[in-house]
């Protein structure tokens, strides 16, 4: 017996979208988001989302679900920038003793590195949200 979970069938044979089984339960949402945070395919949970540090796979190597979407990554970019802004501005009250020049250097570096660190995880969560909404082909 194969221990891997089976991928759900497409919603409609002409549309070829993959979606979580309806109705969504709290556990299915938790599993999909957990797979996204672990950078795994939200459908099967086995395939990896990324090939390298910045390069995302076109499709899952295990179940074949395609991640390639056009102009869909705007949502992950919005989440990444908002979360980064909240983290950087949340640290602002703790930087008041540094002086203006050092504070600007720290905030400038944080504005570059925080979104870079969050990129993969936010993209994984975004792919999971697309799966839960029926938007993965």
C-alpha atoms as a PDB file:
ATOM      1  CA  UNK A   1       0.000   0.000   0.000  1.00  0.00           C
ATOM      2  CA  UNK A   2       1.311   3.439  -0.956  1.00  0.00           C
ATOM      3  CA  UNK A   3       1.802   5.647   2.176  1.00  0.00           C
ATOM      4  CA  UNK A   4       1.569   8.895   0.208  1.00  0.00           C
ATOM      5  CA  UNK A   5      -1.785  10.711   0.169  1.00  0.00           C
ATOM      6  CA  UNK A   6      -3.591  10.663  -3.131  1.00  0.00           C
ATOM      7  CA  UNK A   7      -4.147  13.920  -4.960  1.00  0.00           C
ATOM      8  CA  UNK A   8      -7.804  14.915  -5.338  1.00  0.00           C
ATOM      9  CA  UNK A   9      -9.371  14.709  -8.748  1.00  0.00           C
ATOM     10  CA  UNK A  10      -9.715  17.823 -10.900  1.00  0.00           C
ATOM     11  CA  UNK A  11     -12.825  19.899 -10.227  1.00  0.00           C
ATOM     12  CA  UNK A  12     -14.103  19.651 -13.789  1.00  0.00           C
ATOM     13  CA  UNK A  13     -12.524  17.725 -16.675  1.00  0.00           C
ATOM     14  CA  UNK A  14     -12.488  20.790 -18.943  1.00  0.00           C
ATOM     15  CA  UNK A  15     -11.085  23.228 -16.390  1.00  0.00           C
ATOM     16  CA  UNK A  16      -8.326  21.010 -14.933  1.00  0.00           C
ATOM     17  CA  UNK A  17      -8.040  22.887 -11.655  1.00  0.00           C
ATOM     18  CA  UNK A  18      -7.045  21.213  -8.411  1.00  0.00           C
ATOM     19  CA  UNK A  19      -8.830  22.153  -5.249  1.00  0.00           C
ATOM     20  CA  UNK A  20      -9.199  20.888  -1.733  1.00  0.00           C
ATOM     21  CA  UNK A  21     -12.175  18.667  -1.087  1.00  0.00           C
ATOM     22  CA  UNK A  22     -15.275  20.632  -0.231  1.00  0.00           C
ATOM     23  CA  UNK A  23     -16.397  21.588   2.334  1.00  0.00           C
ATOM     24  CA  UNK A  24     -13.124  22.860   3.753  1.00  0.00           C
ATOM     25  CA  UNK A  25     -12.458  21.781   7.289  1.00  0.00           C
ATOM     26  CA  UNK A  26     -10.074  23.389   9.728  1.00  0.00           C
ATOM     27  CA  UNK A  27      -7.761  20.392   9.505  1.00  0.00           C
ATOM     28  CA  UNK A  28      -7.568  20.530   5.681  1.00  0.00           C
ATOM     29  CA  UNK A  29      -6.734  24.238   5.808  1.00  0.00           C
ATOM     30  CA  UNK A  30      -4.140  23.589   8.506  1.00  0.00           C
ATOM     31  CA  UNK A  31      -2.583  20.756   6.482  1.00  0.00           C
ATOM     32  CA  UNK A  32      -2.400  22.831   3.301  1.00  0.00           C
ATOM     33  CA  UNK A  33      -0.895  25.861   5.048  1.00  0.00           C
ATOM     34  CA  UNK A  34       1.535  23.625   6.942  1.00  0.00           C
ATOM     35  CA  UNK A  35       2.675  22.076   3.680  1.00  0.00           C
ATOM     36  CA  UNK A  36       3.167  25.559   2.258  1.00  0.00           C
ATOM     37  CA  UNK A  37       5.278  26.615   5.244  1.00  0.00           C
ATOM     38  CA  UNK A  38       7.352  23.444   4.864  1.00  0.00           C
ATOM     39  CA  UNK A  39       7.775  24.366   1.165  1.00  0.00           C
ATOM     40  CA  UNK A  40       6.000  21.232  -0.058  1.00  0.00           C
ATOM     41  CA  UNK A  41       3.293  20.715  -2.650  1.00  0.00           C
ATOM     42  CA  UNK A  42      -0.092  21.565  -1.105  1.00  0.00           C
ATOM     43  CA  UNK A  43      -1.800  18.794  -3.079  1.00  0.00           C
ATOM     44  CA  UNK A  44       0.376  15.772  -2.264  1.00  0.00           C
ATOM     45  CA  UNK A  45       2.680  17.102   0.470  1.00  0.00           C
ATOM     46  CA  UNK A  46       5.656  15.240  -1.000  1.00  0.00           C
ATOM     47  CA  UNK A  47       7.057  17.318  -3.868  1.00  0.00           C
ATOM     48  CA  UNK A  48       9.268  20.325  -3.144  1.00  0.00           C
ATOM     49  CA  UNK A  49       8.170  23.789  -4.291  1.00  0.00           C
ATOM     50  CA  UNK A  50      11.648  25.186  -4.964  1.00  0.00           C
ATOM     51  CA  UNK A  51      14.558  23.918  -7.047  1.00  0.00           C
ATOM     52  CA  UNK A  52      17.102  26.395  -5.695  1.00  0.00           C
ATOM     53  CA  UNK A  53      17.129  29.324  -3.352  1.00  0.00           C
ATOM     54  CA  UNK A  54      14.986  31.587  -5.553  1.00  0.00           C
ATOM     55  CA  UNK A  55      13.753  29.308  -8.357  1.00  0.00           C
ATOM     56  CA  UNK A  56      10.330  27.771  -7.981  1.00  0.00           C
ATOM     57  CA  UNK A  57       9.403  24.583  -9.811  1.00  0.00           C
ATOM     58  CA  UNK A  58       7.005  24.767 -12.724  1.00  0.00           C
ATOM     59  CA  UNK A  59       5.169  21.656 -11.485  1.00  0.00           C
ATOM     60  CA  UNK A  60       5.276  19.167  -8.645  1.00  0.00           C
ATOM     61  CA  UNK A  61       7.794  16.398  -9.301  1.00  0.00           C
ATOM     62  CA  UNK A  62       5.586  13.859  -7.491  1.00  0.00           C
ATOM     63  CA  UNK A  63       1.952  14.514  -8.476  1.00  0.00           C
ATOM     64  CA  UNK A  64       2.451  16.743 -11.540  1.00  0.00           C
ATOM     65  CA  UNK A  65       0.333  19.701 -10.409  1.00  0.00           C
ATOM     66  CA  UNK A  66       1.445  22.823 -12.251  1.00  0.00           C
ATOM     67  CA  UNK A  67       2.447  25.882 -10.230  1.00  0.00           C
ATOM     68  CA  UNK A  68       3.195  28.014 -13.273  1.00  0.00           C
ATOM     69  CA  UNK A  69       0.757  30.891 -13.210  1.00  0.00           C
ATOM     70  CA  UNK A  70       0.863  34.219 -14.983  1.00  0.00           C
ATOM     71  CA  UNK A  71       0.665  37.356 -12.837  1.00  0.00           C
ATOM     72  CA  UNK A  72      -0.539  35.360  -9.858  1.00  0.00           C
ATOM     73  CA  UNK A  73       2.463  36.089  -7.683  1.00  0.00           C
ATOM     74  CA  UNK A  74       1.212  39.609  -7.029  1.00  0.00           C
ATOM     75  CA  UNK A  75      -0.672  38.271  -3.998  1.00  0.00           C
ATOM     76  CA  UNK A  76       2.443  36.674  -2.510  1.00  0.00           C
ATOM     77  CA  UNK A  77       4.358  39.882  -3.134  1.00  0.00           C
ATOM     78  CA  UNK A  78       1.672  41.888  -1.325  1.00  0.00           C
ATOM     79  CA  UNK A  79       1.754  39.544   1.662  1.00  0.00           C
ATOM     80  CA  UNK A  80       5.542  39.579   1.741  1.00  0.00           C
ATOM     81  CA  UNK A  81       5.823  43.359   1.617  1.00  0.00           C
ATOM     82  CA  UNK A  82       3.080  43.889   4.211  1.00  0.00           C
ATOM     83  CA  UNK A  83       4.581  41.364   6.616  1.00  0.00           C
ATOM     84  CA  UNK A  84       8.053  42.823   6.081  1.00  0.00           C
ATOM     85  CA  UNK A  85       6.773  46.337   6.707  1.00  0.00           C
ATOM     86  CA  UNK A  86       5.098  45.258   9.940  1.00  0.00           C
ATOM     87  CA  UNK A  87       8.244  43.499  11.144  1.00  0.00           C
ATOM     88  CA  UNK A  88      10.563  46.381  10.259  1.00  0.00           C
ATOM     89  CA  UNK A  89       8.293  49.077  11.656  1.00  0.00           C
ATOM     90  CA  UNK A  90       7.617  46.959  14.735  1.00  0.00           C
ATOM     91  CA  UNK A  91      11.327  47.136  15.534  1.00  0.00           C
ATOM     92  CA  UNK A  92      11.408  50.935  15.130  1.00  0.00           C
ATOM     93  CA  UNK A  93      10.671  51.826  18.795  1.00  0.00           C
ATOM     94  CA  UNK A  94      13.621  49.696  19.899  1.00  0.00           C
ATOM     95  CA  UNK A  95      16.051  51.551  17.622  1.00  0.00           C
ATOM     96  CA  UNK A  96      15.607  55.058  19.028  1.00  0.00           C
ATOM     97  CA  UNK A  97      18.884  54.946  21.024  1.00  0.00           C
ATOM     98  CA  UNK A  98      21.030  54.336  17.937  1.00  0.00           C
ATOM     99  CA  UNK A  99      20.929  57.781  16.439  1.00  0.00           C
ATOM    100  CA  UNK A 100      19.498  58.771  13.078  1.00  0.00           C
ATOM    101  CA  UNK A 101      22.347  57.581  10.836  1.00  0.00           C
ATOM    102  CA  UNK A 102      22.636  54.106  12.396  1.00  0.00           C
ATOM    103  CA  UNK A 103      18.869  53.777  12.566  1.00  0.00           C
ATOM    104  CA  UNK A 104      18.569  54.478   8.835  1.00  0.00           C
ATOM    105  CA  UNK A 105      21.325  51.951   8.060  1.00  0.00           C
ATOM    106  CA  UNK A 106      19.627  49.256  10.161  1.00  0.00           C
ATOM    107  CA  UNK A 107      16.203  49.975   8.658  1.00  0.00           C
ATOM    108  CA  UNK A 108      17.627  50.051   5.119  1.00  0.00           C
ATOM    109  CA  UNK A 109      19.323  46.693   5.562  1.00  0.00           C
ATOM    110  CA  UNK A 110      16.204  45.238   7.163  1.00  0.00           C
ATOM    111  CA  UNK A 111      14.091  46.519   4.264  1.00  0.00           C
ATOM    112  CA  UNK A 112      16.271  44.454   1.909  1.00  0.00           C
ATOM    113  CA  UNK A 113      16.911  41.302   3.936  1.00  0.00           C
ATOM    114  CA  UNK A 114      13.549  40.709   5.666  1.00  0.00           C
ATOM    115  CA  UNK A 115      11.590  40.304   2.382  1.00  0.00           C
ATOM    116  CA  UNK A 116      14.386  38.103   1.006  1.00  0.00           C
ATOM    117  CA  UNK A 117      14.204  35.793   4.021  1.00  0.00           C
ATOM    118  CA  UNK A 118      10.399  35.638   3.925  1.00  0.00           C
ATOM    119  CA  UNK A 119      10.165  35.124   0.133  1.00  0.00           C
ATOM    120  CA  UNK A 120      10.109  31.324   0.007  1.00  0.00           C
ATOM    121  CA  UNK A 121       7.767  30.862   2.961  1.00  0.00           C
ATOM    122  CA  UNK A 122       5.271  33.468   1.789  1.00  0.00           C
ATOM    123  CA  UNK A 123       5.303  31.934  -1.707  1.00  0.00           C
ATOM    124  CA  UNK A 124       4.631  28.503  -0.181  1.00  0.00           C
ATOM    125  CA  UNK A 125       1.685  29.837   1.825  1.00  0.00           C
ATOM    126  CA  UNK A 126       0.381  31.620  -1.272  1.00  0.00           C
ATOM    127  CA  UNK A 127       0.475  28.390  -3.318  1.00  0.00           C
ATOM    128  CA  UNK A 128      -1.433  26.699  -0.483  1.00  0.00           C
ATOM    129  CA  UNK A 129      -4.050  29.457  -0.491  1.00  0.00           C
ATOM    130  CA  UNK A 130      -4.399  29.065  -4.262  1.00  0.00           C
ATOM    131  CA  UNK A 131      -4.905  25.330  -3.786  1.00  0.00           C
ATOM    132  CA  UNK A 132      -7.564  25.892  -1.133  1.00  0.00           C
ATOM    133  CA  UNK A 133      -9.398  28.304  -3.428  1.00  0.00           C
ATOM    134  CA  UNK A 134      -9.205  26.004  -6.459  1.00  0.00           C
ATOM    135  CA  UNK A 135      -6.634  27.963  -8.403  1.00  0.00           C
ATOM    136  CA  UNK A 136      -3.890  25.391  -9.018  1.00  0.00           C
ATOM    137  CA  UNK A 137      -3.881  23.770 -12.439  1.00  0.00           C
END
